[in-house]
C-alpha atoms as a PDB file:
ATOM      1  CA  MET A   1      56.549  42.129  33.047  1.00  0.00           C
ATOM      2  CA  ASP A   2      53.442  44.381  32.607  1.00  0.00           C
ATOM      3  CA  THR A   3      49.804  43.265  32.347  1.00  0.00           C
ATOM      4  CA  GLN A   4      49.967  42.721  28.594  1.00  0.00           C
ATOM      5  CA  GLY A   5      53.108  40.638  28.869  1.00  0.00           C
ATOM      6  CA  GLU A   6      51.548  38.540  31.612  1.00  0.00           C
ATOM      7  CA  ASN A   7      48.651  37.480  29.367  1.00  0.00           C
ATOM      8  CA  TYR A   8      50.714  34.992  27.396  1.00  0.00           C
ATOM      9  CA  ALA A   9      52.218  33.476  30.545  1.00  0.00           C
ATOM     10  CA  ALA A  10      48.739  33.203  32.070  1.00  0.00           C
ATOM     11  CA  GLU A  11      47.470  31.452  28.940  1.00  0.00           C
ATOM     12  CA  LEU A  12      50.310  28.923  29.138  1.00  0.00           C
ATOM     13  CA  ARG A  13      49.601  28.283  32.834  1.00  0.00           C
ATOM     14  CA  GLU A  14      45.905  27.756  32.215  1.00  0.00           C
ATOM     15  CA  ASP A  15      46.640  25.382  29.340  1.00  0.00           C
ATOM     16  CA  ALA A  16      49.058  23.431  31.554  1.00  0.00           C
ATOM     17  CA  ASN A  17      46.448  23.261  34.337  1.00  0.00           C
ATOM     18  CA  GLN A  18      43.814  21.998  31.895  1.00  0.00           C
ATOM     19  CA  ARG A  19      46.147  19.341  30.464  1.00  0.00           C
ATOM     20  CA  ALA A  20      47.139  18.274  33.998  1.00  0.00           C
ATOM     21  CA  ARG A  21      43.491  17.780  34.971  1.00  0.00           C
ATOM     22  CA  GLU A  22      42.860  15.780  31.800  1.00  0.00           C
ATOM     23  CA  TRP A  23      45.901  13.594  32.365  1.00  0.00           C
ATOM     24  CA  ILE A  24      45.185  12.880  36.031  1.00  0.00           C
ATOM     25  CA  ALA A  25      41.619  11.894  35.197  1.00  0.00           C
ATOM     26  CA  PHE A  26      42.661   9.705  32.282  1.00  0.00           C
ATOM     27  CA  LEU A  27      45.475   7.946  34.143  1.00  0.00           C
ATOM     28  CA  ASP A  28      43.183   7.262  37.085  1.00  0.00           C
ATOM     29  CA  SER A  29      40.489   5.791  34.829  1.00  0.00           C
ATOM     30  CA  GLY A  30      42.449   2.572  34.258  1.00  0.00           C
ATOM     31  CA  GLU A  31      42.197   2.972  30.477  1.00  0.00           C
ATOM     32  CA  ALA A  32      45.716   4.329  29.904  1.00  0.00           C
ATOM     33  CA  GLY A  33      48.062   1.947  28.105  1.00  0.00           C
ATOM     34  CA  PRO A  34      51.882   1.952  27.886  1.00  0.00           C
ATOM     35  CA  GLU A  35      51.893   4.354  24.912  1.00  0.00           C
ATOM     36  CA  ASP A  36      49.569   6.732  26.752  1.00  0.00           C
ATOM     37  CA  ARG A  37      51.840   6.711  29.785  1.00  0.00           C
ATOM     38  CA  LYS A  38      54.838   7.359  27.546  1.00  0.00           C
ATOM     39  CA  ARG A  39      53.047  10.393  26.046  1.00  0.00           C
ATOM     40  CA  PHE A  40      52.254  11.588  29.572  1.00  0.00           C
ATOM     41  CA  GLU A  41      55.908  11.312  30.623  1.00  0.00           C
ATOM     42  CA  GLN A  42      56.945  13.278  27.524  1.00  0.00           C
ATOM     43  CA  TRP A  43      54.404  16.003  28.321  1.00  0.00           C
ATOM     44  CA  LEU A  44      55.620  16.148  31.921  1.00  0.00           C
ATOM     45  CA  ALA A  45      59.277  16.454  30.845  1.00  0.00           C
ATOM     46  CA  LEU A  46      58.640  19.263  28.374  1.00  0.00           C
ATOM     47  CA  ASP A  47      58.325  22.131  30.810  1.00  0.00           C
ATOM     48  CA  SER A  48      58.600  22.904  34.521  1.00  0.00           C
ATOM     49  CA  GLY A  49      55.158  24.532  34.278  1.00  0.00           C
ATOM     50  CA  HIS A  50      53.678  21.179  33.261  1.00  0.00           C
ATOM     51  CA  ARG A  51      55.235  19.498  36.280  1.00  0.00           C
ATOM     52  CA  ALA A  52      54.010  22.223  38.643  1.00  0.00           C
ATOM     53  CA  ALA A  53      50.477  22.029  37.241  1.00  0.00           C
ATOM     54  CA  TYR A  54      50.387  18.250  37.558  1.00  0.00           C
ATOM     55  CA  LYS A  55      51.772  18.373  41.103  1.00  0.00           C
ATOM     56  CA  GLN A  56      49.015  20.788  42.122  1.00  0.00           C
ATOM     57  CA  ALA A  57      46.298  18.727  40.438  1.00  0.00           C
ATOM     58  CA  GLN A  58      47.663  15.582  42.077  1.00  0.00           C
ATOM     59  CA  ALA A  59      47.635  17.236  45.506  1.00  0.00           C
ATOM     60  CA  ILE A  60      44.003  18.264  45.101  1.00  0.00           C
ATOM     61  CA  TRP A  61      43.095  14.841  43.751  1.00  0.00           C
ATOM     62  CA  SER A  62      44.674  12.918  46.617  1.00  0.00           C
ATOM     63  CA  SER A  63      43.627  15.302  49.394  1.00  0.00           C
ATOM     64  CA  ALA A  64      39.912  15.476  48.560  1.00  0.00           C
ATOM     65  CA  ALA A  65      38.354  13.722  51.531  1.00  0.00           C
ATOM     66  CA  SER A  66      35.152  12.916  49.675  1.00  0.00           C
ATOM     67  CA  LEU A  67      36.792  11.777  46.464  1.00  0.00           C
ATOM     68  CA  GLU A  68      36.515   8.031  47.046  1.00  0.00           C
ATOM     69  CA  ALA A  69      32.914   8.329  48.183  1.00  0.00           C
ATOM     70  CA  LEU A  70      32.103  10.337  45.063  1.00  0.00           C
ATOM     71  CA  LYS A  71      33.723   7.731  42.797  1.00  0.00           C
ATOM     72  CA  GLN A  72      31.674   4.967  44.446  1.00  0.00           C
ATOM     73  CA  LEU A  73      28.295   6.659  44.165  1.00  0.00           C
ATOM     74  CA  GLU A  74      25.338   4.511  43.218  1.00  0.00           C
ATOM     75  CA  PRO A  75      24.598   4.238  39.483  1.00  0.00           C
ATOM     76  CA  LEU A  76      23.406   7.514  38.035  1.00  0.00           C
ATOM     77  CA  ALA A  77      20.069   6.077  36.983  1.00  0.00           C
ATOM     78  CA  GLN A  78      19.166   5.343  40.629  1.00  0.00           C
ATOM     79  CA  LYS A  79      19.939   8.787  42.039  1.00  0.00           C
ATOM     80  CA  LYS A  80      19.774  11.079  39.034  1.00  0.00           C
ATOM     81  CA  HIS A  81      17.597  13.882  40.392  1.00  0.00           C
ATOM     82  CA  SER A  82      18.996  14.105  43.926  1.00  0.00           C
ATOM     83  CA  PHE A  83      22.590  13.723  42.682  1.00  0.00           C
ATOM     84  CA  PHE A  84      22.408  16.580  40.200  1.00  0.00           C
ATOM     85  CA  GLN A  85      20.785  18.857  42.766  1.00  0.00           C
ATOM     86  CA  GLY A  86      23.208  18.043  45.582  1.00  0.00           C
ATOM     87  CA  PHE A  87      26.339  17.892  43.411  1.00  0.00           C
ATOM     88  CA  GLY A  88      25.448  21.151  41.677  1.00  0.00           C
ATOM     89  CA  HIS A  89      25.023  22.998  44.971  1.00  0.00           C
ATOM     90  CA  TRP A  90      28.230  21.450  46.322  1.00  0.00           C
ATOM     91  CA  LEU A  91      30.284  22.570  43.311  1.00  0.00           C
ATOM     92  CA  ALA A  92      28.858  26.070  43.648  1.00  0.00           C
ATOM     93  CA  ASP A  93      29.946  26.159  47.296  1.00  0.00           C
ATOM     94  CA  LEU A  94      33.434  24.929  46.358  1.00  0.00           C
ATOM     95  CA  HIS A  95      33.845  27.661  43.754  1.00  0.00           C
ATOM     96  CA  ALA A  96      33.140  30.211  46.485  1.00  0.00           C
ATOM     97  CA  LEU A  97      36.106  28.967  48.513  1.00  0.00           C
ATOM     98  CA  PRO A  98      39.408  30.866  48.189  1.00  0.00           C
ATOM     99  CA  GLN A  99      42.449  29.471  46.340  1.00  0.00           C
ATOM    100  CA  TRP A 100      41.708  25.717  46.223  1.00  0.00           C
ATOM    101  CA  GLY A 101      37.905  25.754  45.898  1.00  0.00           C
ATOM    102  CA  ALA A 102      37.538  26.278  42.148  1.00  0.00           C
ATOM    103  CA  ALA A 103      40.397  23.924  41.348  1.00  0.00           C
ATOM    104  CA  LEU A 104      38.946  21.196  43.586  1.00  0.00           C
ATOM    105  CA  ALA A 105      35.545  21.631  41.993  1.00  0.00           C
ATOM    106  CA  SER A 106      37.011  21.161  38.512  1.00  0.00           C
ATOM    107  CA  ILE A 107      38.908  18.029  39.597  1.00  0.00           C
ATOM    108  CA  LEU A 108      35.799  16.511  41.187  1.00  0.00           C
ATOM    109  CA  LEU A 109      33.753  17.369  38.125  1.00  0.00           C
ATOM    110  CA  LEU A 110      36.236  15.303  36.111  1.00  0.00           C
ATOM    111  CA  VAL A 111      35.684  12.412  38.534  1.00  0.00           C
ATOM    112  CA  PHE A 112      31.970  12.626  37.834  1.00  0.00           C
ATOM    113  CA  VAL A 113      32.705  12.471  34.102  1.00  0.00           C
ATOM    114  CA  ILE A 114      34.896   9.399  34.640  1.00  0.00           C
ATOM    115  CA  ASN A 115      32.076   7.584  36.420  1.00  0.00           C
ATOM    116  CA  SER A 116      29.327   8.570  33.990  1.00  0.00           C
ATOM    117  CA  GLN A 117      31.010   8.007  30.633  1.00  0.00           C
ATOM    118  CA  GLN A 118      34.148   6.675  28.997  1.00  0.00           C
ATOM    119  CA  VAL A 119      37.204   8.881  29.483  1.00  0.00           C
ATOM    120  CA  GLU A 120      38.857  10.210  26.331  1.00  0.00           C
ATOM    121  CA  VAL A 121      42.601  10.474  25.898  1.00  0.00           C
ATOM    122  CA  PRO A 122      43.829  14.095  26.287  1.00  0.00           C
ATOM    123  CA  VAL A 123      43.702  15.712  22.859  1.00  0.00           C
ATOM    124  CA  ALA A 124      47.177  17.279  22.867  1.00  0.00           C
ATOM    125  CA  ASP A 125      49.883  15.146  21.251  1.00  0.00           C
ATOM    126  CA  THR A 126      53.419  15.936  22.402  1.00  0.00           C
ATOM    127  CA  TYR A 127      56.582  15.461  20.356  1.00  0.00           C
ATOM    128  CA  LEU A 128      60.170  16.332  21.212  1.00  0.00           C
ATOM    129  CA  THR A 129      63.742  15.810  20.059  1.00  0.00           C
ATOM    130  CA  GLN A 130      67.041  15.625  21.905  1.00  0.00           C
ATOM    131  CA  THR A 131      70.394  17.330  21.221  1.00  0.00           C
ATOM    132  CA  GLY A 132      71.463  16.722  17.606  1.00  0.00           C
ATOM    133  CA  GLU A 133      68.287  14.757  16.827  1.00  0.00           C
ATOM    134  CA  LYS A 134      65.878  15.477  13.958  1.00  0.00           C
ATOM    135  CA  LYS A 135      62.445  13.961  13.469  1.00  0.00           C
ATOM    136  CA  GLN A 136      59.694  14.072  10.838  1.00  0.00           C
ATOM    137  CA  LEU A 137      56.009  13.641  11.708  1.00  0.00           C
ATOM    138  CA  GLU A 138      52.866  13.200   9.640  1.00  0.00           C
ATOM    139  CA  LEU A 139      49.866  14.754  11.369  1.00  0.00           C
ATOM    140  CA  ARG A 140      46.383  13.298  11.100  1.00  0.00           C
ATOM    141  CA  ASP A 141      45.376  15.656   8.248  1.00  0.00           C
ATOM    142  CA  GLY A 142      48.438  14.783   6.155  1.00  0.00           C
ATOM    143  CA  SER A 143      50.483  17.858   7.134  1.00  0.00           C
ATOM    144  CA  ILE A 144      54.185  17.148   7.622  1.00  0.00           C
ATOM    145  CA  VAL A 145      56.198  18.619  10.506  1.00  0.00           C
ATOM    146  CA  SER A 146      60.000  18.339  10.626  1.00  0.00           C
ATOM    147  CA  LEU A 147      61.513  18.919  14.066  1.00  0.00           C
ATOM    148  CA  GLY A 148      65.027  20.263  14.557  1.00  0.00           C
ATOM    149  CA  PRO A 149      67.254  19.343  17.534  1.00  0.00           C
ATOM    150  CA  GLN A 150      66.115  20.239  21.074  1.00  0.00           C
ATOM    151  CA  THR A 151      62.587  20.966  19.858  1.00  0.00           C
ATOM    152  CA  ALA A 152      59.236  20.413  21.568  1.00  0.00           C
ATOM    153  CA  ILE A 153      55.734  20.858  20.163  1.00  0.00           C
ATOM    154  CA  GLU A 154      52.170  20.153  21.251  1.00  0.00           C
ATOM    155  CA  VAL A 155      49.569  19.381  18.566  1.00  0.00           C
ATOM    156  CA  HIS A 156      45.913  20.222  19.236  1.00  0.00           C
ATOM    157  CA  TYR A 157      43.483  19.083  16.533  1.00  0.00           C
ATOM    158  CA  THR A 158      39.722  19.514  16.896  1.00  0.00           C
ATOM    159  CA  GLU A 159      36.781  19.284  14.533  1.00  0.00           C
ATOM    160  CA  ASN A 160      37.180  22.946  13.601  1.00  0.00           C
ATOM    161  CA  SER A 161      40.831  23.830  14.156  1.00  0.00           C
ATOM    162  CA  ARG A 162      44.454  22.743  13.719  1.00  0.00           C
ATOM    163  CA  LYS A 163      46.805  24.232  16.321  1.00  0.00           C
ATOM    164  CA  VAL A 164      50.451  23.583  17.149  1.00  0.00           C
ATOM    165  CA  SER A 165      52.338  25.081  20.097  1.00  0.00           C
ATOM    166  CA  LEU A 166      56.079  25.394  19.466  1.00  0.00           C
ATOM    167  CA  LEU A 167      57.365  25.253  23.031  1.00  0.00           C
ATOM    168  CA  ARG A 168      61.029  25.480  22.078  1.00  0.00           C
ATOM    169  CA  GLY A 169      63.366  24.884  19.154  1.00  0.00           C
ATOM    170  CA  GLU A 170      62.689  24.850  15.429  1.00  0.00           C
ATOM    171  CA  ALA A 171      60.149  23.201  13.138  1.00  0.00           C
ATOM    172  CA  PHE A 172      59.388  23.231   9.422  1.00  0.00           C
ATOM    173  CA  PHE A 173      55.705  22.872   8.481  1.00  0.00           C
ATOM    174  CA  ASP A 174      54.405  21.557   5.158  1.00  0.00           C
ATOM    175  CA  VAL A 175      50.697  22.166   5.669  1.00  0.00           C
ATOM    176  CA  PHE A 176      47.882  20.300   3.930  1.00  0.00           C
ATOM    177  CA  HIS A 177      45.526  22.827   2.327  1.00  0.00           C
ATOM    178  CA  ASN A 178      42.151  23.106   4.066  1.00  0.00           C
ATOM    179  CA  PRO A 179      40.346  26.477   3.752  1.00  0.00           C
ATOM    180  CA  ARG A 180      37.803  25.449   6.402  1.00  0.00           C
ATOM    181  CA  LYS A 181      40.467  24.707   9.022  1.00  0.00           C
ATOM    182  CA  PRO A 182      43.235  27.305   9.372  1.00  0.00           C
ATOM    183  CA  PHE A 183      46.546  25.891  10.605  1.00  0.00           C
ATOM    184  CA  ILE A 184      47.858  27.923  13.550  1.00  0.00           C
ATOM    185  CA  VAL A 185      51.325  27.797  15.114  1.00  0.00           C
ATOM    186  CA  LYS A 186      51.853  29.525  18.462  1.00  0.00           C
ATOM    187  CA  SER A 187      55.171  30.432  20.041  1.00  0.00           C
ATOM    188  CA  PRO A 188      56.105  33.121  22.594  1.00  0.00           C
ATOM    189  CA  TYR A 189      54.508  36.435  21.556  1.00  0.00           C
ATOM    190  CA  THR A 190      53.874  34.986  18.080  1.00  0.00           C
ATOM    191  CA  GLN A 191      51.024  33.433  16.123  1.00  0.00           C
ATOM    192  CA  VAL A 192      51.345  32.148  12.545  1.00  0.00           C
ATOM    193  CA  THR A 193      48.160  31.403  10.597  1.00  0.00           C
ATOM    194  CA  VAL A 194      47.984  29.591   7.239  1.00  0.00           C
ATOM    195  CA  LEU A 195      45.600  27.552   5.107  1.00  0.00           C
ATOM    196  CA  GLY A 196      48.211  25.516   3.266  1.00  0.00           C
ATOM    197  CA  THR A 197      51.865  26.337   2.692  1.00  0.00           C
ATOM    198  CA  ALA A 198      55.449  25.455   3.679  1.00  0.00           C
ATOM    199  CA  PHE A 199      57.271  27.560   6.267  1.00  0.00           C
ATOM    200  CA  ASN A 200      59.797  27.421   9.107  1.00  0.00           C
ATOM    201  CA  VAL A 201      59.522  28.679  12.701  1.00  0.00           C
ATOM    202  CA  ASN A 202      62.631  29.042  14.886  1.00  0.00           C
ATOM    203  CA  SER A 203      62.102  29.951  18.568  1.00  0.00           C
ATOM    204  CA  ASN A 204      64.925  30.813  20.963  1.00  0.00           C
ATOM    205  CA  ARG A 205      65.707  33.310  23.732  1.00  0.00           C
ATOM    206  CA  PHE A 206      66.284  36.068  21.162  1.00  0.00           C
ATOM    207  CA  GLY A 207      62.827  35.745  19.626  1.00  0.00           C
ATOM    208  CA  VAL A 208      60.835  33.839  16.999  1.00  0.00           C
ATOM    209  CA  THR A 209      61.808  33.860  13.316  1.00  0.00           C
ATOM    210  CA  VAL A 210      59.340  32.825  10.606  1.00  0.00           C
ATOM    211  CA  ALA A 211      60.565  32.079   7.073  1.00  0.00           C
ATOM    212  CA  VAL A 212      58.294  31.121   4.152  1.00  0.00           C
ATOM    213  CA  GLN A 213      59.299  28.648   1.454  1.00  0.00           C
ATOM    214  CA  GLU A 214      55.976  28.296  -0.386  1.00  0.00           C
ATOM    215  CA  GLY A 215      52.615  30.086  -0.334  1.00  0.00           C
ATOM    216  CA  LYS A 216      51.881  32.807   2.194  1.00  0.00           C
ATOM    217  CA  VAL A 217      51.370  33.107   5.939  1.00  0.00           C
ATOM    218  CA  GLU A 218      50.044  35.662   8.397  1.00  0.00           C
ATOM    219  CA  VAL A 219      52.390  36.442  11.299  1.00  0.00           C
ATOM    220  CA  ALA A 220      50.999  38.260  14.337  1.00  0.00           C
ATOM    221  CA  SER A 221      52.779  39.573  17.402  1.00  0.00           C
ATOM    222  CA  ILE A 222      50.725  38.787  20.529  1.00  0.00           C
ATOM    223  CA  ASP A 223      50.947  40.604  23.880  1.00  0.00           C
ATOM    224  CA  VAL A 224      54.499  41.903  23.445  1.00  0.00           C
ATOM    225  CA  PRO A 225      55.163  44.048  26.560  1.00  0.00           C
ATOM    226  CA  GLY A 226      54.598  47.735  25.852  1.00  0.00           C
ATOM    227  CA  ARG A 227      53.609  47.226  22.198  1.00  0.00           C
ATOM    228  CA  MET A 228      50.380  46.978  20.243  1.00  0.00           C
ATOM    229  CA  ASN A 229      49.560  43.652  18.615  1.00  0.00           C
ATOM    230  CA  SER A 230      50.362  43.798  14.908  1.00  0.00           C
ATOM    231  CA  VAL A 231      50.135  41.594  11.812  1.00  0.00           C
ATOM    232  CA  LYS A 232      52.182  41.125   8.637  1.00  0.00           C
ATOM    233  CA  ASN A 233      51.633  38.888   5.634  1.00  0.00           C
ATOM    234  CA  LEU A 234      54.610  36.963   4.261  1.00  0.00           C
ATOM    235  CA  THR A 235      55.039  35.269   0.894  1.00  0.00           C
ATOM    236  CA  ALA A 236      57.645  32.815  -0.390  1.00  0.00           C
ATOM    237  CA  GLY A 237      61.186  34.110   0.108  1.00  0.00           C
ATOM    238  CA  GLN A 238      60.354  36.392   3.031  1.00  0.00           C
ATOM    239  CA  THR A 239      61.226  36.198   6.733  1.00  0.00           C
ATOM    240  CA  VAL A 240      60.367  38.173   9.875  1.00  0.00           C
ATOM    241  CA  ASN A 241      61.360  38.121  13.538  1.00  0.00           C
ATOM    242  CA  VAL A 242      59.211  38.676  16.622  1.00  0.00           C
ATOM    243  CA  SER A 243      60.958  39.438  19.919  1.00  0.00           C
ATOM    244  CA  GLU A 244      59.959  40.483  23.417  1.00  0.00           C
ATOM    245  CA  THR A 245      62.061  43.646  23.143  1.00  0.00           C
ATOM    246  CA  ARG A 246      61.260  44.801  19.587  1.00  0.00           C
ATOM    247  CA  GLY A 247      57.910  43.227  18.769  1.00  0.00           C
ATOM    248  CA  LEU A 248      57.164  42.398  15.118  1.00  0.00           C
ATOM    249  CA  GLY A 249      60.165  43.337  12.974  1.00  0.00           C
ATOM    250  CA  GLN A 250      60.598  44.320   9.350  1.00  0.00           C
ATOM    251  CA  LEU A 251      60.252  41.836   6.498  1.00  0.00           C
ATOM    252  CA  SER A 252      63.489  40.586   4.951  1.00  0.00           C
ATOM    253  CA  LYS A 253      64.187  38.707   1.739  1.00  0.00           C
ATOM    254  CA  ILE A 254      65.818  35.275   1.652  1.00  0.00           C
ATOM    255  CA  GLU A 255      66.241  32.521  -0.885  1.00  0.00           C
ATOM    256  CA  ALA A 256      63.041  30.514  -0.488  1.00  0.00           C
ATOM    257  CA  GLU A 257      64.868  27.189  -0.226  1.00  0.00           C
ATOM    258  CA  ASP A 258      66.990  28.555   2.653  1.00  0.00           C
ATOM    259  CA  ALA A 259      63.934  28.255   4.927  1.00  0.00           C
ATOM    260  CA  SER A 260      64.509  24.488   5.091  1.00  0.00           C
ATOM    261  CA  ALA A 261      68.322  24.420   4.743  1.00  0.00           C
ATOM    262  CA  TRP A 262      68.747  22.960   8.244  1.00  0.00           C
ATOM    263  CA  MET A 263      66.873  19.859   7.047  1.00  0.00           C
ATOM    264  CA  GLN A 264      69.781  19.299   4.614  1.00  0.00           C
ATOM    265  CA  ASP A 265      72.262  19.684   7.506  1.00  0.00           C
ATOM    266  CA  LEU A 266      73.182  23.290   6.715  1.00  0.00           C
ATOM    267  CA  ARG A 267      72.736  26.485   8.746  1.00  0.00           C
ATOM    268  CA  ILE A 268      72.751  29.668   6.660  1.00  0.00           C
ATOM    269  CA  TYR A 269      73.306  33.085   8.222  1.00  0.00           C
ATOM    270  CA  VAL A 270      73.454  36.565   6.731  1.00  0.00           C
ATOM    271  CA  ALA A 271      74.812  39.311   9.030  1.00  0.00           C
ATOM    272  CA  GLN A 272      73.579  37.388  12.094  1.00  0.00           C
ATOM    273  CA  PRO A 273      75.130  38.228  15.504  1.00  0.00           C
ATOM    274  CA  LEU A 274      77.421  35.511  16.871  1.00  0.00           C
ATOM    275  CA  ASP A 275      75.463  34.958  20.082  1.00  0.00           C
ATOM    276  CA  GLU A 276      72.280  34.295  18.072  1.00  0.00           C
ATOM    277  CA  VAL A 277      74.163  31.906  15.779  1.00  0.00           C
ATOM    278  CA  LEU A 278      75.490  29.990  18.784  1.00  0.00           C
ATOM    279  CA  GLU A 279      71.953  29.705  20.134  1.00  0.00           C
ATOM    280  CA  ASP A 280      71.134  27.579  17.076  1.00  0.00           C
ATOM    281  CA  LEU A 281      74.409  25.659  16.978  1.00  0.00           C
ATOM    282  CA  SER A 282      74.156  24.724  20.664  1.00  0.00           C
ATOM    283  CA  ARG A 283      71.231  22.437  19.806  1.00  0.00           C
ATOM    284  CA  TYR A 284      73.669  20.163  18.012  1.00  0.00           C
ATOM    285  CA  HIS A 285      76.270  19.951  20.802  1.00  0.00           C
ATOM    286  CA  GLU A 286      76.042  18.498  24.312  1.00  0.00           C
ATOM    287  CA  ALA A 287      78.681  20.896  25.676  1.00  0.00           C
ATOM    288  CA  GLU A 288      77.742  24.451  26.597  1.00  0.00           C
ATOM    289  CA  LEU A 289      79.059  27.049  24.118  1.00  0.00           C
ATOM    290  CA  VAL A 290      80.138  30.232  25.913  1.00  0.00           C
ATOM    291  CA  ILE A 291      81.369  33.509  24.415  1.00  0.00           C
ATOM    292  CA  VAL A 292      83.917  34.894  26.872  1.00  0.00           C
ATOM    293  CA  ASP A 293      84.462  38.331  25.284  1.00  0.00           C
ATOM    294  CA  GLU A 294      81.398  40.605  25.258  1.00  0.00           C
ATOM    295  CA  LEU A 295      82.423  42.374  22.042  1.00  0.00           C
ATOM    296  CA  LEU A 296      82.273  39.059  20.183  1.00  0.00           C
ATOM    297  CA  LYS A 297      78.620  38.476  21.023  1.00  0.00           C
ATOM    298  CA  ARG A 298      77.262  41.023  18.534  1.00  0.00           C
ATOM    299  CA  GLN A 299      79.885  40.290  15.873  1.00  0.00           C
ATOM    300  CA  PRO A 300      77.888  39.692  12.652  1.00  0.00           C
ATOM    301  CA  ILE A 301      78.376  36.475  10.703  1.00  0.00           C
ATOM    302  CA  THR A 302      77.606  35.673   7.080  1.00  0.00           C
ATOM    303  CA  ALA A 303      78.365  32.011   6.530  1.00  0.00           C
ATOM    304  CA  VAL A 304      77.091  28.498   5.863  1.00  0.00           C
ATOM    305  CA  PHE A 305      77.759  25.947   8.602  1.00  0.00           C
ATOM    306  CA  PRO A 306      77.536  22.159   8.218  1.00  0.00           C
ATOM    307  CA  THR A 307      75.710  20.565  11.134  1.00  0.00           C
ATOM    308  CA  GLU A 308      76.601  16.894  10.645  1.00  0.00           C
ATOM    309  CA  SER A 309      79.848  17.402  12.596  1.00  0.00           C
ATOM    310  CA  THR A 310      80.088  19.703  15.598  1.00  0.00           C
ATOM    311  CA  GLN A 311      83.846  19.877  15.127  1.00  0.00           C
ATOM    312  CA  GLU A 312      83.352  21.160  11.570  1.00  0.00           C
ATOM    313  CA  MET A 313      80.913  23.781  12.854  1.00  0.00           C
ATOM    314  CA  LEU A 314      83.405  25.057  15.416  1.00  0.00           C
ATOM    315  CA  SER A 315      86.262  25.028  12.890  1.00  0.00           C
ATOM    316  CA  ALA A 316      84.098  27.000  10.473  1.00  0.00           C
ATOM    317  CA  LEU A 317      83.544  29.633  13.176  1.00  0.00           C
ATOM    318  CA  GLU A 318      87.306  30.063  13.572  1.00  0.00           C
ATOM    319  CA  SER A 319      87.709  30.449   9.812  1.00  0.00           C
ATOM    320  CA  VAL A 320      85.193  33.295   9.427  1.00  0.00           C
ATOM    321  CA  LEU A 321      85.739  35.258  12.651  1.00  0.00           C
ATOM    322  CA  PRO A 322      88.790  36.484  14.605  1.00  0.00           C
ATOM    323  CA  LEU A 323      88.246  34.043  17.465  1.00  0.00           C
ATOM    324  CA  THR A 324      89.625  30.852  18.985  1.00  0.00           C
ATOM    325  CA  VAL A 325      87.667  27.857  20.197  1.00  0.00           C
ATOM    326  CA  HIS A 326      88.870  26.230  23.414  1.00  0.00           C
ATOM    327  CA  GLN A 327      87.351  23.024  24.799  1.00  0.00           C
ATOM    328  CA  VAL A 328      87.658  23.395  28.577  1.00  0.00           C
ATOM    329  CA  ASP A 329      86.161  19.957  29.261  1.00  0.00           C
ATOM    330  CA  GLU A 330      83.352  17.706  27.995  1.00  0.00           C
ATOM    331  CA  GLN A 331      80.707  20.105  29.304  1.00  0.00           C
ATOM    332  CA  LEU A 332      82.158  23.493  28.301  1.00  0.00           C
ATOM    333  CA  ILE A 333      83.567  25.108  25.152  1.00  0.00           C
ATOM    334  CA  GLU A 334      84.750  28.716  25.276  1.00  0.00           C
ATOM    335  CA  LEU A 335      85.004  31.153  22.372  1.00  0.00           C
ATOM    336  CA  ARG A 336      87.526  33.958  22.839  1.00  0.00           C
ATOM    337  CA  ALA A 337      88.717  36.847  20.705  1.00  0.00           C
ATOM    338  CA  ALA A 338      91.881  35.906  18.826  1.00  0.00           C
ATOM    339  CA  PRO A 339      95.030  37.480  20.322  1.00  0.00           C
END
C-alpha cells in the first residue's frame, strides 16, 4: 500500500491508541460500572487493532516504574508550582526517548488527570450485531440507526460534531436534521456527510456502497491508493460505490425504498456479481459460503432474496443461476456450477 493508502490505516491506529489510553485510565479510576466494562469488552472484541492498542497501553501502564509514586503524589494544592515544573520537564524528556517515550508520557499524563479531576467515560459508544441479528438504536440527538447482521459501529458525539465509524457490515441511518452539526459516517476510503436524511451504507471486502432513500448526501472517497480524493452528491433514489481498486464510482439509479429493503428481510440485487451477493448473504449464515468454480464468482444476479430463512436464500440461488448448493458440513457450504 502506498503513502496515500497508509493514511487511513494510520488514522485508525491512532484512534485505537487514543481509545485504549482512555479506557485504561477510566477502568483504573475505580469509577467504571458493569455497563462500562461491558462496553469496554465490546470495543475490545470489535477489531484486532483495538486489542493490540490496549495491550501496548497496558504494558506501558504496568511497566512504568514511577507510576505508583506519581498516583500517590501529595495533593496538588500543596505542591502546585514544583509539580508543574518538574512534571513538565519530565514529560519533555520522555517525549525525546525513542519508541516508548511519547507513549509513556501520554499514559502518565492521563494518570495526572485521574488524580486531579474526575475521569470521564470514553466518548465513543460501540454497538455490534452477530450473525443473522438486526438491531435498531436511537442516538442521543434522536437519529435512528438500524444495524444489519455482523455489523459494528462506533459513535462519537461532541458539542460540535456527530460522527459514526462503520467498522464492518451494513447500517441504515435516519438522521435528525441539524444544520449546525453535520452527521458524518466513515468507512474504509469513504466519508458520507449529511445534515438530515435517510440513507444506507454497506461495507464489505469489495468496497462501500451508499444508497439514499430521502434527502441528499455528500459521498467522498478518502485516500484511495493511487487516486485523487473526489466527491459526489447523491439524492433520493441514487447509489454509488467506493472501492480500494476503483475509487469513487459512477452514480446509479435505484428505487428509493430499496435502500432499506434489508430491514424488511429482503435483499435486492440488479446485475450484481455472485461473489459480492454471497458477501452479504454470509452475514445471515453461520456456515462459510464458498464458490468452488471461479467462473461463477462474477456471474451477475438480478433477484430478490428473502433473508428470514437461510435455506430459502440458498434455494433461491439455485433457481436463478446454473449452480448447485452442497452442504459439506455444519461449517461449510459449497456452490458449484451445475453439471
